[in-house]
Amino acid sequence: MSSVRIDLDRAIVLGITPHGDNSRIVKVLSRSLGVVALWVPLGSGKKRQLGMWHPGALLEISGLQRKGSEGLLRFKEARRAYLYEQLVTDVKRSSVAFFLSEVVMKTFPEESAHPELLDLLWETLQNLDTVAQTGWVHVRFLGQLISHLGLAPSDHLRNERDGLDLQTGEWQQGVFEDEDHFGPKLARVFVFWTLDSSSLEDPLVLNSEERRKLVLGQVRYLQHHLSGPRTIKSYEVLESVFSS
């Protein structure tokens, strides 16, 4: 990507790395640029702004710029576009936000714009702050993202006994299952969450092991199509929080 100059953009914080005592390198999902790294000066005293740079934070950034094609992006000003009421203090909500942020950061190539991804994640995080039941928010996001990207398998080609190959998105006969293959039951649930009609109020029943396979399978399906499989470390925390 060449030099960048954007007057105003929306961004979601995905991850933060220390860079000296008074600055951080922050990965964000920019609506205009995709996943990019910002150099963030933290300031000092009352002007110190570390608290606003947490995974899942919804920001508006002005004066976004970079000279040349390399190096970190800098900006003139960043402000919160949405103030969370529950997400930052509720461990279940925050664990979902951290998980989704890591999935996006490790799945989508840097500096490749996906405005539909920004819009969907933005809406999902706002809903996560307010909905009563949070246990299926990340599952629905992953399913809807697969659909929005045009990656959902063609359901009309499936019969009730078919499984799904997560590497190719093709239906397969039989019940063979491993981390890259779903049997008929999980394949049916996988498709359910890609439908616009899927609802957090009426999820299909899964036991804990089936639920784990579904979530990790959704992530692997996306990564097979976009970047290649990478471990999402925050999933273990997410699972632990919801099982306690």
C-alpha atoms as a PDB file:
ATOM      1  CA  MET A   1       0.000   0.000   0.000  1.00  0.00           C
ATOM      2  CA  SER A   2       1.332   3.468  -0.888  1.00  0.00           C
ATOM      3  CA  SER A   3       1.142   6.624   1.224  1.00  0.00           C
ATOM      4  CA  VAL A   4      -2.064   6.998   3.247  1.00  0.00           C
ATOM      5  CA  ARG A   5      -4.074  10.068   4.137  1.00  0.00           C
ATOM      6  CA  ILE A   6      -7.631   9.694   5.478  1.00  0.00           C
ATOM      7  CA  ASP A   7      -9.521  12.523   7.158  1.00  0.00           C
ATOM      8  CA  LEU A   8     -11.904  10.374   9.222  1.00  0.00           C
ATOM      9  CA  ASP A   9     -12.297   6.626   9.608  1.00  0.00           C
ATOM     10  CA  ARG A  10     -13.930   4.064  11.864  1.00  0.00           C
ATOM     11  CA  ALA A  11     -11.705   1.502  13.564  1.00  0.00           C
ATOM     12  CA  ILE A  12     -12.008  -1.377  16.033  1.00  0.00           C
ATOM     13  CA  VAL A  13      -9.086  -2.213  18.318  1.00  0.00           C
ATOM     14  CA  LEU A  14      -7.876  -5.799  17.848  1.00  0.00           C
ATOM     15  CA  GLY A  15      -4.673  -6.035  19.888  1.00  0.00           C
ATOM     16  CA  ILE A  16      -2.031  -3.953  21.640  1.00  0.00           C
ATOM     17  CA  THR A  17       1.734  -4.397  22.062  1.00  0.00           C
ATOM     18  CA  PRO A  18       4.008  -2.329  24.379  1.00  0.00           C
ATOM     19  CA  HIS A  19       6.466  -0.035  22.564  1.00  0.00           C
ATOM     20  CA  GLY A  20       8.526   1.771  25.155  1.00  0.00           C
ATOM     21  CA  ASP A  21       7.142   3.482  28.251  1.00  0.00           C
ATOM     22  CA  ASN A  22       4.883   6.011  26.557  1.00  0.00           C
ATOM     23  CA  SER A  23       3.653   4.417  23.352  1.00  0.00           C
ATOM     24  CA  ARG A  24       2.020   1.271  22.035  1.00  0.00           C
ATOM     25  CA  ILE A  25       1.671  -0.467  18.698  1.00  0.00           C
ATOM     26  CA  VAL A  26      -2.028  -1.151  18.235  1.00  0.00           C
ATOM     27  CA  LYS A  27      -3.562  -3.403  15.610  1.00  0.00           C
ATOM     28  CA  VAL A  28      -6.938  -2.103  14.487  1.00  0.00           C
ATOM     29  CA  LEU A  29      -9.530  -3.015  11.897  1.00  0.00           C
ATOM     30  CA  SER A  30      -9.982   0.123   9.801  1.00  0.00           C
ATOM     31  CA  ARG A  31     -13.047   0.393   7.598  1.00  0.00           C
ATOM     32  CA  SER A  32     -10.983   1.939   4.793  1.00  0.00           C
ATOM     33  CA  LEU A  33      -7.736  -0.014   5.164  1.00  0.00           C
ATOM     34  CA  GLY A  34      -8.493  -3.351   6.835  1.00  0.00           C
ATOM     35  CA  VAL A  35      -6.164  -4.691   9.535  1.00  0.00           C
ATOM     36  CA  VAL A  36      -3.349  -2.173  10.121  1.00  0.00           C
ATOM     37  CA  ALA A  37      -0.872  -1.189  12.833  1.00  0.00           C
ATOM     38  CA  LEU A  38      -0.985   2.241  14.488  1.00  0.00           C
ATOM     39  CA  TRP A  39       1.699   3.978  16.521  1.00  0.00           C
ATOM     40  CA  VAL A  40      -0.151   5.262  19.595  1.00  0.00           C
ATOM     41  CA  PRO A  41       1.452   7.799  21.941  1.00  0.00           C
ATOM     42  CA  LEU A  42      -0.119   7.396  25.371  1.00  0.00           C
ATOM     43  CA  GLY A  43       0.583  10.830  26.781  1.00  0.00           C
ATOM     44  CA  SER A  44       1.174  11.374  30.472  1.00  0.00           C
ATOM     45  CA  GLY A  45      -0.683  12.405  33.605  1.00  0.00           C
ATOM     46  CA  LYS A  46      -4.322  13.302  33.050  1.00  0.00           C
ATOM     47  CA  LYS A  47      -3.860  13.065  29.276  1.00  0.00           C
ATOM     48  CA  ARG A  48      -2.748   9.422  29.363  1.00  0.00           C
ATOM     49  CA  GLN A  49      -5.144   7.383  27.187  1.00  0.00           C
ATOM     50  CA  LEU A  50      -4.224   3.731  27.684  1.00  0.00           C
ATOM     51  CA  GLY A  51      -7.765   2.815  28.808  1.00  0.00           C
ATOM     52  CA  MET A  52      -9.371   3.449  25.434  1.00  0.00           C
ATOM     53  CA  TRP A  53      -7.091   1.050  23.538  1.00  0.00           C
ATOM     54  CA  HIS A  54      -8.586  -2.270  24.623  1.00  0.00           C
ATOM     55  CA  PRO A  55      -9.622  -5.077  22.202  1.00  0.00           C
ATOM     56  CA  GLY A  56     -13.141  -4.397  20.981  1.00  0.00           C
ATOM     57  CA  ALA A  57     -13.005  -0.624  21.501  1.00  0.00           C
ATOM     58  CA  LEU A  58     -15.021   1.242  18.843  1.00  0.00           C
ATOM     59  CA  LEU A  59     -13.201   4.376  17.706  1.00  0.00           C
ATOM     60  CA  GLU A  60     -13.340   7.236  15.254  1.00  0.00           C
ATOM     61  CA  ILE A  61      -9.873   8.248  14.096  1.00  0.00           C
ATOM     62  CA  SER A  62      -9.073  11.515  12.333  1.00  0.00           C
ATOM     63  CA  GLY A  63      -5.974  12.535  10.392  1.00  0.00           C
ATOM     64  CA  LEU A  64      -4.904   8.959   9.657  1.00  0.00           C
ATOM     65  CA  GLN A  65      -1.706   9.022   7.616  1.00  0.00           C
ATOM     66  CA  ARG A  66       1.533   7.350   6.586  1.00  0.00           C
ATOM     67  CA  LYS A  67       4.265   8.561   4.276  1.00  0.00           C
ATOM     68  CA  GLY A  68       5.433   5.900   1.870  1.00  0.00           C
ATOM     69  CA  SER A  69       4.474   2.237   1.788  1.00  0.00           C
ATOM     70  CA  GLU A  70       6.192   1.063   4.975  1.00  0.00           C
ATOM     71  CA  GLY A  71       6.092   1.869   8.650  1.00  0.00           C
ATOM     72  CA  LEU A  72       3.341   2.434  11.171  1.00  0.00           C
ATOM     73  CA  LEU A  73       0.278   4.568  10.570  1.00  0.00           C
ATOM     74  CA  ARG A  74      -0.083   7.696  12.695  1.00  0.00           C
ATOM     75  CA  PHE A  75      -3.124   9.816  13.439  1.00  0.00           C
ATOM     76  CA  LYS A  76      -4.112  13.223  14.703  1.00  0.00           C
ATOM     77  CA  GLU A  77      -6.917  12.264  17.105  1.00  0.00           C
ATOM     78  CA  ALA A  78      -8.848   9.218  18.280  1.00  0.00           C
ATOM     79  CA  ARG A  79     -12.065   9.206  20.255  1.00  0.00           C
ATOM     80  CA  ARG A  80     -14.533   6.600  21.443  1.00  0.00           C
ATOM     81  CA  ALA A  81     -17.454   6.246  19.047  1.00  0.00           C
ATOM     82  CA  TYR A  82     -19.414   4.111  21.522  1.00  0.00           C
ATOM     83  CA  LEU A  83     -19.191   3.935  25.316  1.00  0.00           C
ATOM     84  CA  TYR A  84     -19.702   0.414  26.625  1.00  0.00           C
ATOM     85  CA  GLU A  85     -21.955  -0.001  29.633  1.00  0.00           C
ATOM     86  CA  GLN A  86     -21.368  -3.673  30.458  1.00  0.00           C
ATOM     87  CA  LEU A  87     -18.748  -5.117  28.126  1.00  0.00           C
ATOM     88  CA  VAL A  88     -15.638  -3.834  29.912  1.00  0.00           C
ATOM     89  CA  THR A  89     -16.807  -4.968  33.372  1.00  0.00           C
ATOM     90  CA  ASP A  90     -18.580  -8.249  32.548  1.00  0.00           C
ATOM     91  CA  VAL A  91     -16.054 -11.071  32.135  1.00  0.00           C
ATOM     92  CA  LYS A  92     -18.247 -13.077  29.743  1.00  0.00           C
ATOM     93  CA  ARG A  93     -18.856 -10.138  27.426  1.00  0.00           C
ATOM     94  CA  SER A  94     -15.209  -9.051  27.479  1.00  0.00           C
ATOM     95  CA  SER A  95     -13.988 -12.604  26.784  1.00  0.00           C
ATOM     96  CA  VAL A  96     -16.196 -12.728  23.666  1.00  0.00           C
ATOM     97  CA  ALA A  97     -14.838  -9.345  22.527  1.00  0.00           C
ATOM     98  CA  PHE A  98     -11.231 -10.489  23.015  1.00  0.00           C
ATOM     99  CA  PHE A  99     -11.924 -13.724  21.120  1.00  0.00           C
ATOM    100  CA  LEU A 100     -13.542 -12.015  18.130  1.00  0.00           C
ATOM    101  CA  SER A 101     -10.758  -9.414  18.023  1.00  0.00           C
ATOM    102  CA  GLU A 102      -8.073 -12.102  17.933  1.00  0.00           C
ATOM    103  CA  VAL A 103      -9.930 -14.088  15.263  1.00  0.00           C
ATOM    104  CA  VAL A 104     -10.098 -11.050  12.974  1.00  0.00           C
ATOM    105  CA  MET A 105      -6.475 -10.064  13.657  1.00  0.00           C
ATOM    106  CA  LYS A 106      -5.150 -13.560  12.874  1.00  0.00           C
ATOM    107  CA  THR A 107      -7.466 -14.422   9.991  1.00  0.00           C
ATOM    108  CA  PHE A 108      -7.577 -11.411   7.677  1.00  0.00           C
ATOM    109  CA  PRO A 109      -4.493 -10.300   5.727  1.00  0.00           C
ATOM    110  CA  GLU A 110      -3.183  -6.870   6.682  1.00  0.00           C
ATOM    111  CA  GLU A 111      -3.988  -3.803   4.598  1.00  0.00           C
ATOM    112  CA  SER A 112      -6.841  -5.486   2.732  1.00  0.00           C
ATOM    113  CA  ALA A 113     -10.073  -3.545   3.202  1.00  0.00           C
ATOM    114  CA  HIS A 114     -13.224  -5.442   4.162  1.00  0.00           C
ATOM    115  CA  PRO A 115     -15.812  -2.775   5.054  1.00  0.00           C
ATOM    116  CA  GLU A 116     -18.512  -5.440   5.454  1.00  0.00           C
ATOM    117  CA  LEU A 117     -16.357  -7.050   8.162  1.00  0.00           C
ATOM    118  CA  LEU A 118     -16.008  -3.744  10.024  1.00  0.00           C
ATOM    119  CA  ASP A 119     -19.743  -3.087   9.864  1.00  0.00           C
ATOM    120  CA  LEU A 120     -20.664  -6.587  11.061  1.00  0.00           C
ATOM    121  CA  LEU A 121     -18.136  -6.624  13.916  1.00  0.00           C
ATOM    122  CA  TRP A 122     -19.132  -3.091  14.969  1.00  0.00           C
ATOM    123  CA  GLU A 123     -22.812  -4.075  15.180  1.00  0.00           C
ATOM    124  CA  THR A 124     -21.959  -7.340  16.956  1.00  0.00           C
ATOM    125  CA  LEU A 125     -19.892  -5.609  19.647  1.00  0.00           C
ATOM    126  CA  GLN A 126     -22.613  -3.029  20.284  1.00  0.00           C
ATOM    127  CA  ASN A 127     -25.157  -5.837  20.647  1.00  0.00           C
ATOM    128  CA  LEU A 128     -22.770  -7.763  22.898  1.00  0.00           C
ATOM    129  CA  ASP A 129     -22.852  -4.829  25.299  1.00  0.00           C
ATOM    130  CA  THR A 130     -26.620  -4.992  25.734  1.00  0.00           C
ATOM    131  CA  VAL A 131     -28.077  -8.435  24.927  1.00  0.00           C
ATOM    132  CA  ALA A 132     -29.236 -10.580  27.839  1.00  0.00           C
ATOM    133  CA  GLN A 133     -27.753 -13.855  26.575  1.00  0.00           C
ATOM    134  CA  THR A 134     -24.142 -13.704  25.355  1.00  0.00           C
ATOM    135  CA  GLY A 135     -23.266 -17.374  24.873  1.00  0.00           C
ATOM    136  CA  TRP A 136     -24.015 -17.538  21.138  1.00  0.00           C
ATOM    137  CA  VAL A 137     -22.940 -14.030  20.052  1.00  0.00           C
ATOM    138  CA  HIS A 138     -19.531 -15.146  18.738  1.00  0.00           C
ATOM    139  CA  VAL A 139     -21.047 -18.203  17.004  1.00  0.00           C
ATOM    140  CA  ARG A 140     -23.582 -16.079  15.145  1.00  0.00           C
ATOM    141  CA  PHE A 141     -20.913 -13.504  14.206  1.00  0.00           C
ATOM    142  CA  LEU A 142     -18.700 -16.187  12.668  1.00  0.00           C
ATOM    143  CA  GLY A 143     -21.626 -17.721  10.789  1.00  0.00           C
ATOM    144  CA  GLN A 144     -22.828 -14.380   9.470  1.00  0.00           C
ATOM    145  CA  LEU A 145     -19.289 -13.398   8.499  1.00  0.00           C
ATOM    146  CA  ILE A 146     -18.930 -16.588   6.466  1.00  0.00           C
ATOM    147  CA  SER A 147     -22.185 -15.678   4.716  1.00  0.00           C
ATOM    148  CA  HIS A 148     -21.271 -11.992   4.163  1.00  0.00           C
ATOM    149  CA  LEU A 149     -17.986 -13.014   2.532  1.00  0.00           C
ATOM    150  CA  GLY A 150     -19.818 -15.319   0.134  1.00  0.00           C
ATOM    151  CA  LEU A 151     -18.143 -18.412   1.589  1.00  0.00           C
ATOM    152  CA  ALA A 152     -21.191 -20.287   2.897  1.00  0.00           C
ATOM    153  CA  PRO A 153     -21.569 -23.801   1.417  1.00  0.00           C
ATOM    154  CA  SER A 154     -24.535 -24.339  -0.891  1.00  0.00           C
ATOM    155  CA  ASP A 155     -27.163 -25.885   1.370  1.00  0.00           C
ATOM    156  CA  HIS A 156     -29.369 -27.060  -1.502  1.00  0.00           C
ATOM    157  CA  LEU A 157     -26.635 -29.514  -2.543  1.00  0.00           C
ATOM    158  CA  ARG A 158     -26.655 -31.277   0.832  1.00  0.00           C
ATOM    159  CA  ASN A 159     -28.708 -34.231   2.044  1.00  0.00           C
ATOM    160  CA  GLU A 160     -29.302 -35.141   5.678  1.00  0.00           C
ATOM    161  CA  ARG A 161     -26.464 -37.675   5.787  1.00  0.00           C
ATOM    162  CA  ASP A 162     -23.763 -35.420   4.340  1.00  0.00           C
ATOM    163  CA  GLY A 163     -20.861 -34.007   6.298  1.00  0.00           C
ATOM    164  CA  LEU A 164     -18.779 -30.931   5.459  1.00  0.00           C
ATOM    165  CA  ASP A 165     -15.117 -30.587   4.457  1.00  0.00           C
ATOM    166  CA  LEU A 166     -13.936 -27.358   6.133  1.00  0.00           C
ATOM    167  CA  GLN A 167     -10.913 -27.078   3.859  1.00  0.00           C
ATOM    168  CA  THR A 168     -12.928 -26.939   0.642  1.00  0.00           C
ATOM    169  CA  GLY A 169     -16.476 -26.066   1.711  1.00  0.00           C
ATOM    170  CA  GLU A 170     -17.742 -29.136  -0.152  1.00  0.00           C
ATOM    171  CA  TRP A 171     -20.253 -31.691   1.097  1.00  0.00           C
ATOM    172  CA  GLN A 172     -19.063 -35.233   1.725  1.00  0.00           C
ATOM    173  CA  GLN A 173     -20.830 -38.540   2.264  1.00  0.00           C
ATOM    174  CA  GLY A 174     -20.514 -40.276   5.605  1.00  0.00           C
ATOM    175  CA  VAL A 175     -19.797 -39.221   9.166  1.00  0.00           C
ATOM    176  CA  PHE A 176     -15.999 -38.824   9.138  1.00  0.00           C
ATOM    177  CA  GLU A 177     -15.029 -36.159  11.688  1.00  0.00           C
ATOM    178  CA  ASP A 178     -11.789 -34.415  12.699  1.00  0.00           C
ATOM    179  CA  GLU A 179     -10.716 -30.775  13.058  1.00  0.00           C
ATOM    180  CA  ASP A 180     -11.246 -30.224   9.318  1.00  0.00           C
ATOM    181  CA  HIS A 181     -14.404 -32.285   8.812  1.00  0.00           C
ATOM    182  CA  PHE A 182     -17.883 -32.069  10.311  1.00  0.00           C
ATOM    183  CA  GLY A 183     -20.319 -34.947  10.459  1.00  0.00           C
ATOM    184  CA  PRO A 184     -23.995 -34.445   9.477  1.00  0.00           C
ATOM    185  CA  LYS A 185     -25.140 -32.907  12.793  1.00  0.00           C
ATOM    186  CA  LEU A 186     -22.412 -30.256  13.063  1.00  0.00           C
ATOM    187  CA  ALA A 187     -22.659 -29.569   9.332  1.00  0.00           C
ATOM    188  CA  ARG A 188     -26.359 -28.803   9.781  1.00  0.00           C
ATOM    189  CA  VAL A 189     -25.643 -26.479  12.730  1.00  0.00           C
ATOM    190  CA  PHE A 190     -22.818 -24.805  10.787  1.00  0.00           C
ATOM    191  CA  VAL A 191     -25.237 -23.940   7.981  1.00  0.00           C
ATOM    192  CA  PHE A 192     -27.893 -22.748  10.455  1.00  0.00           C
ATOM    193  CA  TRP A 193     -25.622 -19.966  11.732  1.00  0.00           C
ATOM    194  CA  THR A 194     -24.893 -18.715   8.198  1.00  0.00           C
ATOM    195  CA  LEU A 195     -28.595 -18.012   7.602  1.00  0.00           C
ATOM    196  CA  ASP A 196     -30.060 -14.533   8.073  1.00  0.00           C
ATOM    197  CA  SER A 197     -32.908 -16.165   9.989  1.00  0.00           C
ATOM    198  CA  SER A 198     -30.604 -17.601  12.690  1.00  0.00           C
ATOM    199  CA  SER A 199     -31.419 -16.173  16.101  1.00  0.00           C
ATOM    200  CA  LEU A 200     -29.685 -15.936  19.484  1.00  0.00           C
ATOM    201  CA  GLU A 201     -33.048 -16.679  21.071  1.00  0.00           C
ATOM    202  CA  ASP A 202     -33.460 -20.157  19.585  1.00  0.00           C
ATOM    203  CA  PRO A 203     -30.064 -21.868  19.159  1.00  0.00           C
ATOM    204  CA  LEU A 204     -29.776 -25.515  18.225  1.00  0.00           C
ATOM    205  CA  VAL A 205     -28.890 -27.761  21.171  1.00  0.00           C
ATOM    206  CA  LEU A 206     -25.251 -28.865  21.443  1.00  0.00           C
ATOM    207  CA  ASN A 207     -23.247 -30.421  24.233  1.00  0.00           C
ATOM    208  CA  SER A 208     -20.006 -28.756  25.338  1.00  0.00           C
ATOM    209  CA  GLU A 209     -17.742 -30.831  23.079  1.00  0.00           C
ATOM    210  CA  GLU A 210     -19.954 -30.272  20.021  1.00  0.00           C
ATOM    211  CA  ARG A 211     -20.016 -26.548  20.752  1.00  0.00           C
ATOM    212  CA  ARG A 212     -16.224 -26.453  20.972  1.00  0.00           C
ATOM    213  CA  LYS A 213     -15.872 -28.290  17.656  1.00  0.00           C
ATOM    214  CA  LEU A 214     -18.369 -25.924  16.029  1.00  0.00           C
ATOM    215  CA  VAL A 215     -16.619 -22.709  17.096  1.00  0.00           C
ATOM    216  CA  LEU A 216     -13.118 -23.909  16.237  1.00  0.00           C
ATOM    217  CA  GLY A 217     -14.468 -25.336  12.970  1.00  0.00           C
ATOM    218  CA  GLN A 218     -16.009 -21.982  12.021  1.00  0.00           C
ATOM    219  CA  VAL A 219     -12.653 -20.306  12.628  1.00  0.00           C
ATOM    220  CA  ARG A 220     -10.726 -22.941  10.661  1.00  0.00           C
ATOM    221  CA  TYR A 221     -13.227 -22.681   7.789  1.00  0.00           C
ATOM    222  CA  LEU A 222     -12.593 -18.934   7.541  1.00  0.00           C
ATOM    223  CA  GLN A 223      -8.852 -19.332   7.873  1.00  0.00           C
ATOM    224  CA  HIS A 224      -8.667 -22.070   5.235  1.00  0.00           C
ATOM    225  CA  HIS A 225     -10.334 -19.677   2.798  1.00  0.00           C
ATOM    226  CA  LEU A 226      -8.444 -16.518   3.796  1.00  0.00           C
ATOM    227  CA  SER A 227      -5.069 -17.031   5.423  1.00  0.00           C
ATOM    228  CA  GLY A 228      -4.325 -20.529   6.692  1.00  0.00           C
ATOM    229  CA  PRO A 229      -4.977 -22.031  10.158  1.00  0.00           C
ATOM    230  CA  ARG A 230      -3.573 -20.207  13.192  1.00  0.00           C
ATOM    231  CA  THR A 231      -4.194 -20.907  16.874  1.00  0.00           C
ATOM    232  CA  ILE A 232      -6.607 -18.549  18.628  1.00  0.00           C
ATOM    233  CA  LYS A 233      -5.226 -18.439  22.165  1.00  0.00           C
ATOM    234  CA  SER A 234      -8.157 -16.565  23.684  1.00  0.00           C
ATOM    235  CA  TYR A 235     -10.571 -19.399  22.890  1.00  0.00           C
ATOM    236  CA  GLU A 236      -9.436 -21.398  25.912  1.00  0.00           C
ATOM    237  CA  VAL A 237     -10.195 -18.406  28.149  1.00  0.00           C
ATOM    238  CA  LEU A 238     -13.586 -17.968  26.505  1.00  0.00           C
ATOM    239  CA  GLU A 239     -14.472 -21.618  27.004  1.00  0.00           C
ATOM    240  CA  SER A 240     -13.310 -21.541  30.616  1.00  0.00           C
ATOM    241  CA  VAL A 241     -15.366 -18.435  31.407  1.00  0.00           C
ATOM    242  CA  PHE A 242     -18.587 -19.862  29.986  1.00  0.00           C
ATOM    243  CA  SER A 243     -18.139 -23.282  31.568  1.00  0.00           C
ATOM    244  CA  SER A 244     -17.582 -21.897  35.086  1.00  0.00           C
END
